[in-house]
Amino acid sequence: MSASRFTNVALRRAIGIGTALVVLAMVATACSSTSASSTSGTLAGTPAAGLPSFYAVPSHLPSNKPGTVIKYQRVATPSIDGTVYRVMYVSESTTGKPIAVTGLVMVPKTPPPPGGYRVVTWGHGTNGMAPQCAPSLKPATAVPLQNDLLEQGWEVTASDYQGEGTPGMLPYLVGVLAARNTIDIVRAARNMKVAHASSTYAVWGHSEGGQTALFALHIAQSYAPELHLVGVVAGAPPSQFSVIYTFLKTSPYRFYLFMAEVGFNAGYGNAAAPLTEVLTSKALKLIPLLTKGCHTYLTLVHYSWAELGKANPFDVPKWRTLVEENDPESFTTPSPVPLLIPQGGTDHQIPPISTQILTTHFCKIGQDVERWIYPGKSHAGVIPYYMPDMIHWLSDRFAGDPNPDPYVPVGEPGVQTTTCP
């Protein structure tokens, strides 16, 4: 597969990284609706400014059960080799409350097999924190190389995550929340008769979505025992947050820190994540800007982290607890589900050494894990090169082949592979 099959612009939009992510890191940045059931209620809410009416959240949810479909609509997307549905569904907040989340369900053109289509659920990367940043607004670029997955006869689901598409602000890097959103859209697909989704699924995410994928691996069995997770692909996932904090303070990506601290506050609230303990008064005044745009909207590059950061969150007990809970290196028990970590060898956003350390940790706790490093490939640019290898790996998982998988990646000469001894 040639990288030309998916333009660089579309790839960056889909995963929320590359050039668009650089800018964001520097700045902080149809069809008619169809009710899923007669109990969906009156859609009394209003969508965030500028969003289509579909994104209006009802005043009362039809059910508190995660995966309940609130509404869906078919969206004409000629570039996608399948039928695309925009969906609003019920998920669960960090405090266990029911919330409305939006996303996409992409159904293959081929007839469904017995039991339904196997599902690949995508976790998107950093693309903003506001409702108007929802990938489902632009289905054609929401998932990288989605046609390659659909051609396998796999259904593709893609959550926007809480706060994108729906009111509020994204709880950025709150891993368990994004994982619940990403799993619950599989449940939602199963509740859509038109989707013909099976209970068998795999999770794939990259960058921020890589962290999402790891937390899905961590919670899947307890959170969604009725589903059958067969494999997880976590591309370039962030971990070792204390080291990353030190690295980012003086890097062009220092506004990840601003986003993460505001995101934790959005996810956990003022009592658990008090911003006044970690951000300066100047930074607090800038928070509303995060809700006003995505990607290139903001221009805060002239602020140093010294002007915005009041304290290292690792020196503040409440914050240290939350940050460590959201670091995949905090996992102490393995999942029986196999894990793949692909990454580019010249990734300047997530240092490859960090995934090496993470892989070593996973091996120590007994996790079945493989790590593939593609030499000379960047953080975003690596995806078209690992995609064919990932598809082979996922095909083996759906086929129930044994682990560790003996398959050797061939997407680029000299791929460095790591497996547990």
Protein backbone atom coordinates (compact mmCIF):
# COMPACT_ATOMS: atom_id res chain seq x y z
CA MET A 1 0.00 0.00 0.00
CA SER A 2 1.34 3.38 -0.98
CA ALA A 3 1.12 6.36 1.34
CA SER A 4 -0.35 8.23 -1.61
CA ARG A 5 -3.64 6.44 -1.03
CA PHE A 6 -4.31 8.83 1.79
CA THR A 7 -3.18 12.43 1.48
CA ASN A 8 -0.99 13.94 4.14
CA VAL A 9 -3.62 16.60 4.79
CA ALA A 10 -6.36 14.04 5.33
CA LEU A 11 -4.12 11.91 7.52
CA ARG A 12 -3.26 14.84 9.75
CA ARG A 13 -6.90 15.80 10.07
CA ALA A 14 -7.92 12.26 10.92
CA ILE A 15 -5.40 11.69 13.69
CA GLY A 16 -5.22 15.27 14.85
CA ILE A 17 -1.44 15.39 14.69
CA GLY A 18 1.28 16.33 12.22
CA THR A 19 1.25 19.97 11.18
CA ALA A 20 -2.19 20.61 12.63
CA LEU A 21 -1.13 19.12 15.94
CA VAL A 22 2.01 21.23 16.02
CA VAL A 23 -0.10 24.33 15.70
CA LEU A 24 -2.56 23.09 18.28
CA ALA A 25 0.20 22.20 20.69
CA MET A 26 1.61 25.66 20.30
CA VAL A 27 -1.73 27.34 20.86
CA ALA A 28 -3.33 25.08 23.39
CA THR A 29 -6.49 25.21 19.76
CA ALA A 30 -26.89 15.13 5.17
CA CYS A 31 -29.49 13.47 6.08
CA SER A 32 -32.37 14.12 8.42
CA SER A 33 -31.99 12.89 11.98
CA THR A 34 -33.55 9.54 12.73
CA SER A 35 -34.57 8.63 16.25
CA ALA A 36 -33.21 5.26 17.35
CA SER A 37 -36.41 4.40 19.12
CA SER A 38 -39.75 5.86 20.06
CA THR A 39 -38.41 6.48 23.58
CA SER A 40 -35.67 8.87 22.49
CA GLY A 41 -37.64 11.86 23.77
CA THR A 42 -37.87 15.43 22.61
CA LEU A 43 -34.60 16.96 21.49
CA ALA A 44 -34.97 20.09 23.56
CA GLY A 45 -31.31 21.07 23.74
CA THR A 46 -29.38 23.27 21.37
CA PRO A 47 -26.07 22.35 19.75
CA ALA A 48 -22.88 24.26 20.39
CA ALA A 49 -22.54 27.40 18.29
CA GLY A 50 -22.10 26.63 14.61
CA LEU A 51 -22.81 22.89 14.85
CA PRO A 52 -25.64 21.18 12.92
CA SER A 53 -28.88 20.49 14.74
CA PHE A 54 -27.96 16.81 15.03
CA TYR A 55 -25.54 17.72 17.82
CA ALA A 56 -28.32 19.05 20.08
CA VAL A 57 -28.37 16.90 23.21
CA PRO A 58 -31.84 15.95 24.51
CA SER A 59 -32.92 17.29 27.88
CA HIS A 60 -33.53 13.71 29.01
CA LEU A 61 -31.57 10.66 27.88
CA PRO A 62 -33.64 7.65 26.78
CA SER A 63 -31.64 5.43 29.14
CA ASN A 64 -28.64 5.63 31.43
CA LYS A 65 -27.24 2.42 29.96
CA PRO A 66 -23.90 2.91 28.14
CA GLY A 67 -24.25 2.22 24.43
CA THR A 68 -27.87 3.34 24.22
CA VAL A 69 -28.44 5.07 20.88
CA ILE A 70 -29.99 8.51 21.29
CA LYS A 71 -30.20 9.19 17.56
CA TYR A 72 -28.36 8.60 14.34
CA GLN A 73 -28.35 9.84 10.76
CA ARG A 74 -26.90 8.59 7.52
CA VAL A 75 -24.24 10.93 6.11
CA ALA A 76 -23.40 10.86 2.41
CA THR A 77 -19.61 10.50 2.14
CA PRO A 78 -18.62 9.41 -1.39
CA SER A 79 -14.94 8.97 -0.55
CA ILE A 80 -15.72 6.28 2.03
CA ASP A 81 -16.30 2.76 0.69
CA GLY A 82 -19.20 2.04 2.96
CA THR A 83 -22.30 3.50 4.57
CA VAL A 84 -21.57 6.21 7.13
CA TYR A 85 -23.77 7.00 10.11
CA ARG A 86 -23.34 9.87 12.54
CA VAL A 87 -24.50 8.71 15.96
CA MET A 88 -25.20 10.16 19.40
CA TYR A 89 -25.09 7.61 22.18
CA VAL A 90 -24.89 7.23 25.95
CA SER A 91 -21.52 6.78 27.63
CA GLU A 92 -20.24 7.19 31.16
CA SER A 93 -18.31 10.06 32.75
CA THR A 94 -15.36 9.74 35.10
CA THR A 95 -17.80 9.90 38.01
CA GLY A 96 -20.09 7.24 36.56
CA LYS A 97 -22.79 9.61 35.33
CA PRO A 98 -24.52 9.01 31.97
CA ILE A 99 -23.39 11.44 29.27
CA ALA A 100 -24.19 11.99 25.60
CA VAL A 101 -21.30 11.44 23.16
CA THR A 102 -21.18 11.63 19.37
CA GLY A 103 -19.20 9.70 16.78
CA LEU A 104 -19.32 7.72 13.54
CA VAL A 105 -20.24 4.19 12.51
CA MET A 106 -18.95 3.06 9.09
CA VAL A 107 -20.53 -0.08 7.67
CA PRO A 108 -18.85 -2.12 4.88
CA LYS A 109 -20.55 -2.54 1.49
CA THR A 110 -20.24 -6.32 1.65
CA PRO A 111 -23.14 -8.31 3.16
CA PRO A 112 -22.75 -8.92 6.90
CA PRO A 113 -21.32 -12.30 7.86
CA PRO A 114 -23.13 -14.59 10.31
CA GLY A 115 -23.06 -12.87 13.68
CA GLY A 116 -22.36 -9.46 12.18
CA TYR A 117 -19.33 -7.45 11.12
CA ARG A 118 -16.26 -7.51 13.32
CA VAL A 119 -15.52 -4.01 14.54
CA VAL A 120 -12.40 -1.87 14.69
CA THR A 121 -13.03 1.07 17.01
CA TRP A 122 -10.74 4.08 16.52
CA GLY A 123 -9.37 6.44 19.18
CA HIS A 124 -8.50 9.81 17.64
CA GLY A 125 -5.47 11.93 18.44
CA THR A 126 -5.20 15.49 19.70
CA ASN A 127 -7.33 17.85 17.62
CA GLY A 128 -8.75 20.35 20.09
CA MET A 129 -10.94 20.49 23.17
CA ALA A 130 -14.13 22.16 21.93
CA PRO A 131 -17.42 20.83 20.51
CA GLN A 132 -16.60 22.11 17.04
CA CYS A 133 -13.47 19.92 16.96
CA ALA A 134 -15.55 16.72 16.66
CA PRO A 135 -14.11 14.45 13.92
CA SER A 136 -17.65 13.32 13.07
CA LEU A 137 -18.30 16.74 11.53
CA LYS A 138 -16.01 15.69 8.65
CA PRO A 139 -16.44 11.92 8.23
CA ALA A 140 -14.12 11.70 5.21
CA THR A 141 -11.10 12.59 7.35
CA ALA A 142 -12.23 11.24 10.73
CA VAL A 143 -10.32 7.94 10.58
CA PRO A 144 -7.00 7.47 8.76
CA LEU A 145 -7.14 4.99 5.89
CA GLN A 146 -10.62 3.87 6.88
CA ASN A 147 -11.21 2.29 3.48
CA ASP A 148 -8.37 -0.16 4.07
CA LEU A 149 -10.27 -1.41 7.12
CA LEU A 150 -13.65 -1.46 5.40
CA GLU A 151 -12.15 -3.47 2.53
CA GLN A 152 -11.43 -6.23 5.03
CA GLY A 153 -15.14 -6.44 5.79
CA TRP A 154 -14.63 -4.78 9.17
CA GLU A 155 -16.98 -2.18 10.56
CA VAL A 156 -15.30 1.01 11.82
CA THR A 157 -16.51 3.04 14.78
CA ALA A 158 -15.00 6.35 15.90
CA SER A 159 -15.95 8.29 19.02
CA ASP A 160 -15.56 12.06 19.18
CA TYR A 161 -15.00 11.75 22.96
CA GLN A 162 -16.95 13.73 25.55
CA GLY A 163 -16.72 17.48 24.94
CA GLU A 164 -16.19 17.26 21.20
CA GLY A 165 -19.52 17.45 19.42
CA THR A 166 -21.36 17.71 22.73
CA PRO A 167 -21.36 20.67 25.15
CA GLY A 168 -18.50 21.28 27.52
CA MET A 169 -14.79 20.76 27.11
CA LEU A 170 -12.83 17.60 26.30
CA PRO A 171 -11.26 16.01 29.40
CA TYR A 172 -7.97 15.80 27.55
CA LEU A 173 -5.77 12.77 28.40
CA VAL A 174 -8.24 11.39 30.94
CA GLY A 175 -7.64 7.86 29.72
CA VAL A 176 -10.49 5.95 31.31
CA LEU A 177 -13.09 8.40 29.99
CA ALA A 178 -11.91 8.25 26.38
CA ALA A 179 -11.70 4.46 26.69
CA ARG A 180 -15.32 4.24 27.87
CA ASN A 181 -16.41 6.49 24.98
CA THR A 182 -14.49 4.31 22.51
CA ILE A 183 -15.94 1.06 23.83
CA ASP A 184 -19.47 2.41 24.19
CA ILE A 185 -19.69 3.35 20.51
CA VAL A 186 -19.21 -0.37 19.75
CA ARG A 187 -22.17 -1.04 22.01
CA ALA A 188 -24.08 1.68 20.18
CA ALA A 189 -23.31 0.11 16.81
CA ARG A 190 -24.68 -3.19 18.09
CA ASN A 191 -27.88 -1.35 19.04
CA MET A 192 -28.28 -0.01 15.48
CA LYS A 193 -29.98 -2.65 13.34
CA VAL A 194 -28.61 -1.03 10.19
CA ALA A 195 -25.04 -1.53 11.42
CA HIS A 196 -25.10 -5.33 11.82
CA ALA A 197 -22.19 -5.16 14.29
CA SER A 198 -20.92 -8.26 16.08
CA SER A 199 -19.71 -8.42 19.67
CA THR A 200 -16.15 -9.09 18.50
CA TYR A 201 -13.98 -6.01 18.24
CA ALA A 202 -10.48 -4.56 18.28
CA VAL A 203 -9.28 -1.14 19.42
CA TRP A 204 -6.89 1.07 17.48
CA GLY A 205 -5.71 4.55 18.42
CA HIS A 206 -2.72 6.79 17.79
CA SER A 207 -1.05 9.48 19.95
CA GLU A 208 -3.75 10.67 22.39
CA GLY A 209 -5.75 7.80 20.90
CA GLY A 210 -2.87 5.46 21.73
CA GLN A 211 -3.41 6.27 25.39
CA THR A 212 -7.14 5.72 24.82
CA ALA A 213 -6.40 2.30 23.34
CA LEU A 214 -4.24 1.31 26.32
CA PHE A 215 -6.97 2.26 28.77
CA ALA A 216 -9.49 0.33 26.69
CA LEU A 217 -7.18 -2.68 27.05
CA HIS A 218 -7.08 -2.02 30.80
CA ILE A 219 -10.85 -1.72 31.43
CA ALA A 220 -12.50 -3.73 28.66
CA GLN A 221 -13.14 -6.97 30.52
CA SER A 222 -14.71 -5.32 33.56
CA TYR A 223 -16.44 -2.44 31.76
CA ALA A 224 -17.93 -4.33 28.80
CA PRO A 225 -17.86 -8.06 29.58
CA GLU A 226 -20.55 -8.77 26.98
CA LEU A 227 -18.16 -7.73 24.21
CA HIS A 228 -15.22 -9.78 22.97
CA LEU A 229 -12.03 -7.74 22.63
CA VAL A 230 -9.44 -9.61 20.55
CA GLY A 231 -6.60 -7.11 20.16
CA VAL A 232 -5.43 -3.55 20.86
CA VAL A 233 -3.16 -1.37 18.73
CA ALA A 234 -1.76 1.67 20.58
CA GLY A 235 0.23 3.82 18.15
CA ALA A 236 2.83 6.12 19.74
CA PRO A 237 1.03 6.33 23.11
CA PRO A 238 2.13 8.92 25.69
CA SER A 239 3.40 7.60 29.02
CA GLN A 240 6.01 8.49 31.66
CA PHE A 241 4.14 11.72 32.26
CA SER A 242 6.64 13.10 34.77
CA VAL A 243 9.41 12.88 32.17
CA ILE A 244 7.16 14.26 29.44
CA TYR A 245 6.22 17.21 31.68
CA THR A 246 9.87 18.16 32.02
CA PHE A 247 10.44 17.71 28.29
CA LEU A 248 7.42 19.72 27.19
CA LYS A 249 8.03 22.77 29.37
CA THR A 250 10.64 24.12 26.95
CA SER A 251 9.46 22.46 23.74
CA PRO A 252 7.17 23.75 20.97
CA TYR A 253 4.57 21.36 22.40
CA ARG A 254 4.46 22.98 25.84
CA PHE A 255 0.78 23.85 25.48
CA TYR A 256 -0.06 20.17 25.80
CA LEU A 257 0.51 20.87 29.49
CA PHE A 258 -2.04 23.68 29.48
CA MET A 259 -4.53 21.48 27.65
CA ALA A 260 -3.96 18.51 29.94
CA GLU A 261 -4.39 20.45 33.16
CA VAL A 262 -7.56 22.14 31.93
CA GLY A 263 -8.72 18.76 30.59
CA PHE A 264 -8.20 17.04 33.93
CA ASN A 265 -10.22 19.77 35.58
CA ALA A 266 -13.00 19.22 33.02
CA GLY A 267 -12.97 15.52 33.76
CA TYR A 268 -12.60 15.47 37.54
CA GLY A 269 -13.89 18.85 38.70
CA ASN A 270 -12.50 21.64 40.85
CA ALA A 271 -12.28 19.66 44.09
CA ALA A 272 -10.15 16.86 42.64
CA ALA A 273 -8.23 18.95 40.08
CA PRO A 274 -8.03 22.56 41.31
CA LEU A 275 -6.50 24.68 38.55
CA THR A 276 -5.49 27.45 40.94
CA GLU A 277 -2.83 25.11 42.33
CA VAL A 278 -1.07 24.50 39.00
CA LEU A 279 -1.85 27.46 36.70
CA THR A 280 -1.05 31.16 37.03
CA SER A 281 -3.72 33.85 36.95
CA LYS A 282 -2.66 34.65 33.39
CA ALA A 283 -3.24 31.04 32.34
CA LEU A 284 -6.63 30.95 34.05
CA LYS A 285 -7.74 33.95 31.99
CA LEU A 286 -6.74 32.12 28.78
CA ILE A 287 -8.89 29.03 29.43
CA PRO A 288 -11.96 30.30 27.51
CA LEU A 289 -9.86 30.42 24.35
CA LEU A 290 -9.74 26.63 24.34
CA THR A 291 -13.47 26.50 23.59
CA LYS A 292 -13.36 28.89 20.64
CA GLY A 293 -11.46 26.99 18.00
CA CYS A 294 -9.36 24.06 16.82
CA HIS A 295 -5.99 23.72 15.15
CA THR A 296 -4.98 27.14 13.86
CA TYR A 297 -7.52 29.31 15.68
CA LEU A 298 -5.35 30.35 18.59
CA THR A 299 -1.96 32.10 18.61
CA LEU A 300 -0.39 31.70 22.04
CA VAL A 301 3.08 30.59 20.96
CA HIS A 302 4.68 33.68 22.51
CA TYR A 303 3.81 32.50 26.04
CA SER A 304 6.48 30.55 27.88
CA TRP A 305 5.44 27.81 30.28
CA ALA A 306 6.98 29.85 33.11
CA GLU A 307 4.24 32.43 32.49
CA LEU A 308 1.46 29.85 32.66
CA GLY A 309 2.59 27.08 35.00
CA LYS A 310 2.34 27.85 38.71
CA ALA A 311 3.56 24.50 40.02
CA ASN A 312 4.67 21.09 38.84
CA PRO A 313 1.57 18.88 39.22
CA PHE A 314 3.79 16.11 40.57
CA ASP A 315 4.54 18.34 43.55
CA VAL A 316 0.81 18.80 44.29
CA PRO A 317 -0.64 15.66 45.96
CA LYS A 318 -4.11 15.84 44.37
CA TRP A 319 -2.67 16.37 40.93
CA ARG A 320 0.05 13.77 41.30
CA THR A 321 -2.58 11.13 42.06
CA LEU A 322 -4.64 11.99 38.96
CA VAL A 323 -1.67 12.21 36.60
CA GLU A 324 -0.28 8.87 37.77
CA GLU A 325 -3.71 7.24 37.41
CA ASN A 326 -3.79 8.33 33.77
CA ASP A 327 -0.29 7.11 32.95
CA PRO A 328 -0.37 3.65 31.30
CA GLU A 329 2.83 2.84 33.18
CA SER A 330 0.64 2.67 36.31
CA PHE A 331 -0.94 -0.61 35.14
CA THR A 332 0.01 -3.43 37.50
CA THR A 333 -1.98 -6.33 36.08
CA PRO A 334 -1.94 -7.68 32.51
CA SER A 335 -4.86 -8.09 30.17
CA PRO A 336 -5.28 -11.44 28.40
CA VAL A 337 -5.79 -9.43 25.20
CA PRO A 338 -2.66 -9.01 23.01
CA LEU A 339 -1.22 -5.55 22.53
CA LEU A 340 0.69 -3.98 19.62
CA ILE A 341 2.61 -0.69 19.89
CA PRO A 342 3.76 0.71 16.51
CA GLN A 343 5.72 3.96 16.22
CA GLY A 344 8.01 5.96 13.95
CA GLY A 345 11.72 5.92 14.72
CA THR A 346 12.01 9.70 14.31
CA ASP A 347 8.96 10.60 16.37
CA HIS A 348 9.68 14.02 17.91
CA GLN A 349 6.43 14.22 19.87
CA ILE A 350 6.50 10.91 21.74
CA PRO A 351 10.15 9.86 22.17
CA PRO A 352 10.61 6.22 21.07
CA ILE A 353 12.56 5.57 24.27
CA SER A 354 9.30 6.13 26.18
CA THR A 355 7.52 3.28 24.38
CA GLN A 356 10.59 1.11 24.96
CA ILE A 357 10.34 1.78 28.70
CA LEU A 358 6.59 1.17 28.58
CA THR A 359 7.03 -2.12 26.71
CA THR A 360 9.58 -3.26 29.27
CA HIS A 361 7.10 -2.47 32.03
CA PHE A 362 4.31 -4.37 30.29
CA CYS A 363 6.57 -7.40 29.87
CA LYS A 364 7.36 -7.32 33.59
CA ILE A 365 3.69 -7.50 34.54
CA GLY A 366 3.06 -10.33 32.05
CA GLN A 367 1.29 -8.45 29.27
CA ASP A 368 1.47 -9.99 25.77
CA VAL A 369 2.94 -7.04 23.86
CA GLU A 370 4.77 -6.40 20.60
CA ARG A 371 6.50 -3.12 19.68
CA TRP A 372 7.29 -2.18 16.09
CA ILE A 373 9.54 0.81 15.35
CA TYR A 374 9.62 2.02 11.73
CA PRO A 375 12.99 3.70 11.04
CA GLY A 376 12.94 7.24 9.68
CA LYS A 377 9.19 7.70 10.13
CA SER A 378 7.59 10.56 12.02
CA HIS A 379 4.85 10.67 14.63
CA ALA A 380 2.05 11.05 12.10
CA GLY A 381 3.77 9.86 8.94
CA VAL A 382 4.29 6.33 10.22
CA ILE A 383 0.62 5.32 9.98
CA PRO A 384 0.51 4.53 6.21
CA TYR A 385 3.59 2.34 6.69
CA TYR A 386 2.34 0.33 9.64
CA MET A 387 -1.24 0.07 8.34
CA PRO A 388 -0.72 -3.06 6.16
CA ASP A 389 1.20 -4.73 8.99
CA MET A 390 -1.48 -3.77 11.49
CA ILE A 391 -4.20 -5.18 9.24
CA HIS A 392 -2.30 -8.49 9.07
CA TRP A 393 -1.92 -8.49 12.86
CA LEU A 394 -5.60 -7.68 13.40
CA SER A 395 -6.63 -10.36 10.91
CA ASP A 396 -4.70 -12.86 13.00
CA ARG A 397 -6.48 -11.62 16.13
CA PHE A 398 -9.92 -11.91 14.54
CA ALA A 399 -8.98 -15.40 13.34
CA GLY A 400 -8.06 -16.42 16.88
CA ASP A 401 -4.44 -17.17 16.03
CA PRO A 402 -2.06 -17.82 18.94
CA ASN A 403 0.03 -15.14 20.63
CA PRO A 404 2.69 -13.88 20.48
CA ASP A 405 2.15 -13.53 16.75
CA PRO A 406 5.13 -14.79 14.69
CA TYR A 407 4.31 -12.30 11.90
CA VAL A 408 7.22 -10.02 10.98
CA PRO A 409 6.23 -6.50 9.82
CA VAL A 410 7.25 -5.61 6.26
CA GLY A 411 5.80 -2.10 5.82
CA GLU A 412 9.31 -0.61 5.84
CA PRO A 413 12.77 -2.20 5.61
CA GLY A 414 14.47 -2.73 8.95
CA VAL A 415 11.45 -2.48 11.25
CA GLN A 416 12.69 -3.01 14.79
CA THR A 417 10.55 -5.49 16.68
CA THR A 418 10.38 -6.12 20.40
CA THR A 419 8.54 -8.94 22.14
CA CYS A 420 8.66 -10.16 25.71
CA PRO A 421 11.27 -12.84 26.53
